[in-house]
Amino acid sequence: MQNLDLCQFNDFIIGKIEYDKIYFEDKFFVSGHTPTELIDKAYKGRIYRKNNHIAIDCSAAFGNPLGCICLDTFEEFYVP
């Protein structure tokens, strides 16, 4: 587990995210750029939510829907 107060800005923009790792027990880690199907093939075109991670890159540029999530309710929306 990491202490968010000790993290630097570059800790979140440089490097590869480990989606099997829970970084913060009481917070969600929201990321993009890595297509969700590369994290887990079952999430192709869908938002990935697991281990306090929310990955939102559904590969809309390659024909999949644009994924959106309301962080207040965790309701997912998809735009074809």
PDB file of N, CA and C in Angstrom:
ATOM      1  N   MET A   1       0.842  -1.173   0.000  1.00  0.00           N
ATOM      2  CA  MET A   1       0.000   0.000   0.000  1.00  0.00           C
ATOM      3  C   MET A   1       0.889   1.237   0.000  1.00  0.00           C
ATOM      4  N   GLN A   2       0.489   2.253  -0.712  1.00  0.00           N
ATOM      5  CA  GLN A   2       1.259   3.480  -0.780  1.00  0.00           C
ATOM      6  C   GLN A   2       0.582   4.595   0.006  1.00  0.00           C
ATOM      7  N   ASN A   3       1.384   5.497   0.509  1.00  0.00           N
ATOM      8  CA  ASN A   3       0.874   6.681   1.182  1.00  0.00           C
ATOM      9  C   ASN A   3       0.754   7.778   0.133  1.00  0.00           C
ATOM     10  N   LEU A   4      -0.466   8.216  -0.153  1.00  0.00           N
ATOM     11  CA  LEU A   4      -0.715   9.207  -1.193  1.00  0.00           C
ATOM     12  C   LEU A   4       0.039  10.510  -0.917  1.00  0.00           C
ATOM     13  N   ASP A   5       0.201  10.865   0.342  1.00  0.00           N
ATOM     14  CA  ASP A   5       0.905  12.098   0.692  1.00  0.00           C
ATOM     15  C   ASP A   5       2.381  12.067   0.306  1.00  0.00           C
ATOM     16  N   LEU A   6       2.942  10.883   0.149  1.00  0.00           N
ATOM     17  CA  LEU A   6       4.359  10.755  -0.197  1.00  0.00           C
ATOM     18  C   LEU A   6       4.595  10.621  -1.702  1.00  0.00           C
ATOM     19  N   CYS A   7       3.525  10.567  -2.488  1.00  0.00           N
ATOM     20  CA  CYS A   7       3.659  10.399  -3.938  1.00  0.00           C
ATOM     21  C   CYS A   7       3.954  11.732  -4.619  1.00  0.00           C
ATOM     22  N   GLN A   8       4.741  11.668  -5.654  1.00  0.00           N
ATOM     23  CA  GLN A   8       5.055  12.815  -6.495  1.00  0.00           C
ATOM     24  C   GLN A   8       4.159  12.763  -7.732  1.00  0.00           C
ATOM     25  N   PHE A   9       3.984  13.903  -8.401  1.00  0.00           N
ATOM     26  CA  PHE A   9       3.175  13.974  -9.615  1.00  0.00           C
ATOM     27  C   PHE A   9       3.655  12.951 -10.649  1.00  0.00           C
ATOM     28  N   ASN A  10       4.960  12.850 -10.851  1.00  0.00           N
ATOM     29  CA  ASN A  10       5.516  11.921 -11.850  1.00  0.00           C
ATOM     30  C   ASN A  10       5.245  10.459 -11.529  1.00  0.00           C
ATOM     31  N   ASP A  11       4.935  10.151 -10.286  1.00  0.00           N
ATOM     32  CA  ASP A  11       4.597   8.768  -9.929  1.00  0.00           C
ATOM     33  C   ASP A  11       3.345   8.294 -10.660  1.00  0.00           C
ATOM     34  N   PHE A  12       2.517   9.254 -11.088  1.00  0.00           N
ATOM     35  CA  PHE A  12       1.259   8.904 -11.729  1.00  0.00           C
ATOM     36  C   PHE A  12       1.280   9.032 -13.243  1.00  0.00           C
ATOM     37  N   ILE A  13       2.301   9.653 -13.810  1.00  0.00           N
ATOM     38  CA  ILE A  13       2.324   9.823 -15.261  1.00  0.00           C
ATOM     39  C   ILE A  13       3.462   9.060 -15.937  1.00  0.00           C
ATOM     40  N   ILE A  14       4.362   8.516 -15.178  1.00  0.00           N
ATOM     41  CA  ILE A  14       5.493   7.775 -15.738  1.00  0.00           C
ATOM     42  C   ILE A  14       5.449   6.353 -15.191  1.00  0.00           C
ATOM     43  N   GLY A  15       5.634   5.400 -16.067  1.00  0.00           N
ATOM     44  CA  GLY A  15       5.687   4.020 -15.625  1.00  0.00           C
ATOM     45  C   GLY A  15       4.440   3.256 -15.984  1.00  0.00           C
ATOM     46  N   LYS A  16       4.483   1.989 -15.717  1.00  0.00           N
ATOM     47  CA  LYS A  16       3.385   1.087 -16.058  1.00  0.00           C
ATOM     48  C   LYS A  16       2.559   0.803 -14.804  1.00  0.00           C
ATOM     49  N   ILE A  17       1.255   0.885 -14.959  1.00  0.00           N
ATOM     50  CA  ILE A  17       0.355   0.605 -13.845  1.00  0.00           C
ATOM     51  C   ILE A  17       0.232  -0.903 -13.664  1.00  0.00           C
ATOM     52  N   GLU A  18       0.275  -1.348 -12.422  1.00  0.00           N
ATOM     53  CA  GLU A  18       0.072  -2.754 -12.100  1.00  0.00           C
ATOM     54  C   GLU A  18      -1.383  -2.917 -11.664  1.00  0.00           C
ATOM     55  N   TYR A  19      -2.216  -3.424 -12.563  1.00  0.00           N
ATOM     56  CA  TYR A  19      -3.650  -3.498 -12.303  1.00  0.00           C
ATOM     57  C   TYR A  19      -4.019  -4.588 -11.300  1.00  0.00           C
ATOM     58  N   ASP A  20      -3.124  -5.521 -11.039  1.00  0.00           N
ATOM     59  CA  ASP A  20      -3.381  -6.545 -10.024  1.00  0.00           C
ATOM     60  C   ASP A  20      -3.042  -6.054  -8.622  1.00  0.00           C
ATOM     61  N   LYS A  21      -2.425  -4.885  -8.534  1.00  0.00           N
ATOM     62  CA  LYS A  21      -1.979  -4.325  -7.261  1.00  0.00           C
ATOM     63  C   LYS A  21      -2.978  -3.271  -6.777  1.00  0.00           C
ATOM     64  N   ILE A  22      -3.305  -3.292  -5.502  1.00  0.00           N
ATOM     65  CA  ILE A  22      -4.134  -2.245  -4.899  1.00  0.00           C
ATOM     66  C   ILE A  22      -3.173  -1.195  -4.363  1.00  0.00           C
ATOM     67  N   TYR A  23      -3.178  -0.022  -4.996  1.00  0.00           N
ATOM     68  CA  TYR A  23      -2.282   1.054  -4.582  1.00  0.00           C
ATOM     69  C   TYR A  23      -2.789   1.760  -3.330  1.00  0.00           C
ATOM     70  N   PHE A  24      -4.088   2.015  -3.270  1.00  0.00           N
ATOM     71  CA  PHE A  24      -4.680   2.746  -2.149  1.00  0.00           C
ATOM     72  C   PHE A  24      -5.956   2.020  -1.725  1.00  0.00           C
ATOM     73  N   GLU A  25      -6.021   1.619  -0.472  1.00  0.00           N
ATOM     74  CA  GLU A  25      -7.166   0.860   0.033  1.00  0.00           C
ATOM     75  C   GLU A  25      -8.453   1.687   0.029  1.00  0.00           C
ATOM     76  N   ASP A  26      -8.340   2.993   0.277  1.00  0.00           N
ATOM     77  CA  ASP A  26      -9.524   3.831   0.451  1.00  0.00           C
ATOM     78  C   ASP A  26      -9.742   4.834  -0.681  1.00  0.00           C
ATOM     79  N   LYS A  27      -9.019   4.666  -1.796  1.00  0.00           N
ATOM     80  CA  LYS A  27      -9.147   5.567  -2.936  1.00  0.00           C
ATOM     81  C   LYS A  27      -9.168   4.756  -4.230  1.00  0.00           C
ATOM     82  N   PHE A  28      -9.706   5.371  -5.273  1.00  0.00           N
ATOM     83  CA  PHE A  28      -9.704   4.731  -6.583  1.00  0.00           C
ATOM     84  C   PHE A  28      -8.625   5.359  -7.449  1.00  0.00           C
ATOM     85  N   PHE A  29      -7.968   4.546  -8.234  1.00  0.00           N
ATOM     86  CA  PHE A  29      -6.947   4.988  -9.175  1.00  0.00           C
ATOM     87  C   PHE A  29      -7.608   4.990 -10.551  1.00  0.00           C
ATOM     88  N   VAL A  30      -7.841   6.173 -11.128  1.00  0.00           N
ATOM     89  CA  VAL A  30      -8.497   6.304 -12.429  1.00  0.00           C
ATOM     90  C   VAL A  30      -7.424   6.562 -13.475  1.00  0.00           C
ATOM     91  N   SER A  31      -7.442   5.762 -14.529  1.00  0.00           N
ATOM     92  CA  SER A  31      -6.413   5.917 -15.566  1.00  0.00           C
ATOM     93  C   SER A  31      -7.018   5.779 -16.957  1.00  0.00           C
ATOM     94  N   GLY A  32      -6.262   6.234 -17.911  1.00  0.00           N
ATOM     95  CA  GLY A  32      -6.606   6.092 -19.320  1.00  0.00           C
ATOM     96  C   GLY A  32      -5.358   5.687 -20.067  1.00  0.00           C
ATOM     97  N   HIS A  33      -5.370   5.822 -21.350  1.00  0.00           N
ATOM     98  CA  HIS A  33      -4.244   5.568 -22.250  1.00  0.00           C
ATOM     99  C   HIS A  33      -4.007   4.085 -22.525  1.00  0.00           C
ATOM    100  N   THR A  34      -4.112   3.219 -21.532  1.00  0.00           N
ATOM    101  CA  THR A  34      -3.960   1.783 -21.777  1.00  0.00           C
ATOM    102  C   THR A  34      -5.338   1.215 -22.107  1.00  0.00           C
ATOM    103  N   PRO A  35      -5.536   0.720 -23.334  1.00  0.00           N
ATOM    104  CA  PRO A  35      -6.842   0.145 -23.683  1.00  0.00           C
ATOM    105  C   PRO A  35      -7.225  -0.985 -22.726  1.00  0.00           C
ATOM    106  N   THR A  36      -8.462  -0.972 -22.289  1.00  0.00           N
ATOM    107  CA  THR A  36      -8.903  -1.947 -21.291  1.00  0.00           C
ATOM    108  C   THR A  36      -8.743  -3.391 -21.768  1.00  0.00           C
ATOM    109  N   GLU A  37      -8.839  -3.624 -23.063  1.00  0.00           N
ATOM    110  CA  GLU A  37      -8.669  -5.002 -23.550  1.00  0.00           C
ATOM    111  C   GLU A  37      -7.235  -5.498 -23.390  1.00  0.00           C
ATOM    112  N   LEU A  38      -6.271  -4.577 -23.241  1.00  0.00           N
ATOM    113  CA  LEU A  38      -4.891  -4.988 -22.978  1.00  0.00           C
ATOM    114  C   LEU A  38      -4.673  -5.313 -21.502  1.00  0.00           C
ATOM    115  N   ILE A  39      -5.567  -4.830 -20.651  1.00  0.00           N
ATOM    116  CA  ILE A  39      -5.513  -5.168 -19.231  1.00  0.00           C
ATOM    117  C   ILE A  39      -6.139  -6.542 -19.023  1.00  0.00           C
ATOM    118  N   ASP A  40      -7.304  -6.743 -19.616  1.00  0.00           N
ATOM    119  CA  ASP A  40      -8.037  -8.009 -19.532  1.00  0.00           C
ATOM    120  C   ASP A  40      -8.934  -8.092 -20.766  1.00  0.00           C
ATOM    121  N   LYS A  41      -8.760  -9.112 -21.581  1.00  0.00           N
ATOM    122  CA  LYS A  41      -9.505  -9.238 -22.838  1.00  0.00           C
ATOM    123  C   LYS A  41     -11.025  -9.211 -22.633  1.00  0.00           C
ATOM    124  N   ALA A  42     -11.492  -9.611 -21.460  1.00  0.00           N
ATOM    125  CA  ALA A  42     -12.932  -9.617 -21.169  1.00  0.00           C
ATOM    126  C   ALA A  42     -13.508  -8.203 -21.113  1.00  0.00           C
ATOM    127  N   TYR A  43     -12.652  -7.188 -21.004  1.00  0.00           N
ATOM    128  CA  TYR A  43     -13.115  -5.804 -20.898  1.00  0.00           C
ATOM    129  C   TYR A  43     -12.997  -5.034 -22.201  1.00  0.00           C
ATOM    130  N   LYS A  44     -12.883  -5.709 -23.322  1.00  0.00           N
ATOM    131  CA  LYS A  44     -12.794  -5.026 -24.610  1.00  0.00           C
ATOM    132  C   LYS A  44     -14.019  -4.125 -24.803  1.00  0.00           C
ATOM    133  N   GLY A  45     -13.775  -2.826 -25.009  1.00  0.00           N
ATOM    134  CA  GLY A  45     -14.857  -1.885 -25.217  1.00  0.00           C
ATOM    135  C   GLY A  45     -15.652  -1.540 -23.967  1.00  0.00           C
ATOM    136  N   ARG A  46     -15.177  -1.939 -22.798  1.00  0.00           N
ATOM    137  CA  ARG A  46     -15.870  -1.699 -21.525  1.00  0.00           C
ATOM    138  C   ARG A  46     -14.890  -1.069 -20.533  1.00  0.00           C
ATOM    139  N   ILE A  47     -15.407  -0.373 -19.563  1.00  0.00           N
ATOM    140  CA  ILE A  47     -14.602   0.201 -18.486  1.00  0.00           C
ATOM    141  C   ILE A  47     -14.148  -0.921 -17.563  1.00  0.00           C
ATOM    142  N   TYR A  48     -12.874  -0.890 -17.214  1.00  0.00           N
ATOM    143  CA  TYR A  48     -12.287  -1.888 -16.313  1.00  0.00           C
ATOM    144  C   TYR A  48     -12.362  -1.370 -14.876  1.00  0.00           C
ATOM    145  N   ARG A  49     -12.954  -2.161 -13.992  1.00  0.00           N
ATOM    146  CA  ARG A  49     -13.012  -1.804 -12.572  1.00  0.00           C
ATOM    147  C   ARG A  49     -12.644  -3.026 -11.741  1.00  0.00           C
ATOM    148  N   LYS A  50     -11.489  -2.942 -11.099  1.00  0.00           N
ATOM    149  CA  LYS A  50     -11.022  -4.047 -10.277  1.00  0.00           C
ATOM    150  C   LYS A  50      -9.874  -3.538  -9.409  1.00  0.00           C
ATOM    151  N   ASN A  51      -9.746  -4.041  -8.199  1.00  0.00           N
ATOM    152  CA  ASN A  51      -8.633  -3.693  -7.310  1.00  0.00           C
ATOM    153  C   ASN A  51      -8.488  -2.187  -7.092  1.00  0.00           C
ATOM    154  N   ASN A  52      -9.594  -1.485  -6.979  1.00  0.00           N
ATOM    155  CA  ASN A  52      -9.616  -0.028  -6.800  1.00  0.00           C
ATOM    156  C   ASN A  52      -9.041   0.727  -7.997  1.00  0.00           C
ATOM    157  N   HIS A  53      -9.004   0.087  -9.150  1.00  0.00           N
ATOM    158  CA  HIS A  53      -8.615   0.729 -10.406  1.00  0.00           C
ATOM    159  C   HIS A  53      -9.865   0.965 -11.237  1.00  0.00           C
ATOM    160  N   ILE A  54      -9.877   2.077 -11.941  1.00  0.00           N
ATOM    161  CA  ILE A  54     -10.899   2.342 -12.946  1.00  0.00           C
ATOM    162  C   ILE A  54     -10.142   2.778 -14.191  1.00  0.00           C
ATOM    163  N   ALA A  55     -10.135   1.923 -15.207  1.00  0.00           N
ATOM    164  CA  ALA A  55      -9.470   2.243 -16.472  1.00  0.00           C
ATOM    165  C   ALA A  55     -10.555   2.563 -17.489  1.00  0.00           C
ATOM    166  N   ILE A  56     -10.448   3.731 -18.114  1.00  0.00           N
ATOM    167  CA  ILE A  56     -11.548   4.221 -18.948  1.00  0.00           C
ATOM    168  C   ILE A  56     -11.261   4.219 -20.444  1.00  0.00           C
ATOM    169  N   ASP A  57     -10.074   3.798 -20.857  1.00  0.00           N
ATOM    170  CA  ASP A  57      -9.749   3.797 -22.295  1.00  0.00           C
ATOM    171  C   ASP A  57     -10.340   2.555 -22.953  1.00  0.00           C
ATOM    172  N   CYS A  58     -11.500   2.713 -23.550  1.00  0.00           N
ATOM    173  CA  CYS A  58     -12.208   1.595 -24.194  1.00  0.00           C
ATOM    174  C   CYS A  58     -11.842   1.450 -25.674  1.00  0.00           C
ATOM    175  N   SER A  59     -10.849   2.185 -26.140  1.00  0.00           N
ATOM    176  CA  SER A  59     -10.369   2.142 -27.528  1.00  0.00           C
ATOM    177  C   SER A  59     -11.389   2.691 -28.515  1.00  0.00           C
ATOM    178  N   ALA A  60     -11.995   3.830 -28.188  1.00  0.00           N
ATOM    179  CA  ALA A  60     -12.971   4.452 -29.084  1.00  0.00           C
ATOM    180  C   ALA A  60     -12.343   4.799 -30.433  1.00  0.00           C
ATOM    181  N   ALA A  61     -11.072   5.118 -30.442  1.00  0.00           N
ATOM    182  CA  ALA A  61     -10.392   5.464 -31.694  1.00  0.00           C
ATOM    183  C   ALA A  61     -10.314   4.272 -32.647  1.00  0.00           C
ATOM    184  N   PHE A  62     -10.511   3.073 -32.124  1.00  0.00           N
ATOM    185  CA  PHE A  62     -10.439   1.866 -32.940  1.00  0.00           C
ATOM    186  C   PHE A  62     -11.794   1.190 -33.092  1.00  0.00           C
ATOM    187  N   GLY A  63     -12.880   1.983 -32.952  1.00  0.00           N
ATOM    188  CA  GLY A  63     -14.207   1.461 -33.232  1.00  0.00           C
ATOM    189  C   GLY A  63     -15.004   0.984 -32.031  1.00  0.00           C
ATOM    190  N   ASN A  64     -14.427   0.976 -30.863  1.00  0.00           N
ATOM    191  CA  ASN A  64     -15.171   0.594 -29.659  1.00  0.00           C
ATOM    192  C   ASN A  64     -15.903   1.823 -29.118  1.00  0.00           C
ATOM    193  N   PRO A  65     -16.856   1.632 -28.221  1.00  0.00           N
ATOM    194  CA  PRO A  65     -17.580   2.789 -27.687  1.00  0.00           C
ATOM    195  C   PRO A  65     -16.684   3.651 -26.792  1.00  0.00           C
ATOM    196  N   LEU A  66     -17.085   4.909 -26.645  1.00  0.00           N
ATOM    197  CA  LEU A  66     -16.443   5.813 -25.706  1.00  0.00           C
ATOM    198  C   LEU A  66     -17.031   5.515 -24.337  1.00  0.00           C
ATOM    199  N   GLY A  67     -16.181   5.185 -23.378  1.00  0.00           N
ATOM    200  CA  GLY A  67     -16.657   4.861 -22.040  1.00  0.00           C
ATOM    201  C   GLY A  67     -16.590   6.069 -21.123  1.00  0.00           C
ATOM    202  N   CYS A  68     -17.653   6.285 -20.354  1.00  0.00           N
ATOM    203  CA  CYS A  68     -17.724   7.379 -19.387  1.00  0.00           C
ATOM    204  C   CYS A  68     -18.227   6.788 -18.071  1.00  0.00           C
ATOM    205  N   ILE A  69     -17.750   7.341 -16.967  1.00  0.00           N
ATOM    206  CA  ILE A  69     -18.201   6.853 -15.664  1.00  0.00           C
ATOM    207  C   ILE A  69     -18.463   8.050 -14.748  1.00  0.00           C
ATOM    208  N   CYS A  70     -19.563   7.995 -14.027  1.00  0.00           N
ATOM    209  CA  CYS A  70     -19.879   9.009 -13.026  1.00  0.00           C
ATOM    210  C   CYS A  70     -19.178   8.589 -11.738  1.00  0.00           C
ATOM    211  N   LEU A  71     -18.240   9.398 -11.270  1.00  0.00           N
ATOM    212  CA  LEU A  71     -17.474   9.027 -10.084  1.00  0.00           C
ATOM    213  C   LEU A  71     -18.272   9.173  -8.794  1.00  0.00           C
ATOM    214  N   ASP A  72     -19.426   9.817  -8.850  1.00  0.00           N
ATOM    215  CA  ASP A  72     -20.295   9.903  -7.671  1.00  0.00           C
ATOM    216  C   ASP A  72     -21.109   8.628  -7.479  1.00  0.00           C
ATOM    217  N   THR A  73     -21.582   8.049  -8.583  1.00  0.00           N
ATOM    218  CA  THR A  73     -22.464   6.875  -8.507  1.00  0.00           C
ATOM    219  C   THR A  73     -21.849   5.604  -9.094  1.00  0.00           C
ATOM    220  N   PHE A  74     -20.746   5.759  -9.821  1.00  0.00           N
ATOM    221  CA  PHE A  74     -20.072   4.659 -10.548  1.00  0.00           C
ATOM    222  C   PHE A  74     -20.925   4.102 -11.678  1.00  0.00           C
ATOM    223  N   GLU A  75     -21.945   4.871 -12.097  1.00  0.00           N
ATOM    224  CA  GLU A  75     -22.745   4.464 -13.241  1.00  0.00           C
ATOM    225  C   GLU A  75     -21.926   4.637 -14.509  1.00  0.00           C
ATOM    226  N   GLU A  76     -21.958   3.627 -15.356  1.00  0.00           N
ATOM    227  CA  GLU A  76     -21.197   3.664 -16.608  1.00  0.00           C
ATOM    228  C   GLU A  76     -22.111   4.042 -17.758  1.00  0.00           C
ATOM    229  N   PHE A  77     -21.546   4.814 -18.684  1.00  0.00           N
ATOM    230  CA  PHE A  77     -22.246   5.232 -19.895  1.00  0.00           C
ATOM    231  C   PHE A  77     -21.352   4.917 -21.078  1.00  0.00           C
ATOM    232  N   TYR A  78     -21.945   4.516 -22.178  1.00  0.00           N
ATOM    233  CA  TYR A  78     -21.182   4.211 -23.387  1.00  0.00           C
ATOM    234  C   TYR A  78     -21.795   4.941 -24.576  1.00  0.00           C
ATOM    235  N   VAL A  79     -20.943   5.556 -25.377  1.00  0.00           N
ATOM    236  CA  VAL A  79     -21.377   6.280 -26.573  1.00  0.00           C
ATOM    237  C   VAL A  79     -20.797   5.523 -27.759  1.00  0.00           C
ATOM    238  N   PRO A  80     -21.690   5.025 -28.657  1.00  0.00           N
ATOM    239  CA  PRO A  80     -21.168   4.271 -29.809  1.00  0.00           C
ATOM    240  C   PRO A  80     -20.339   5.141 -30.744  1.00  0.00           C
TER     241      PRO A  80
END
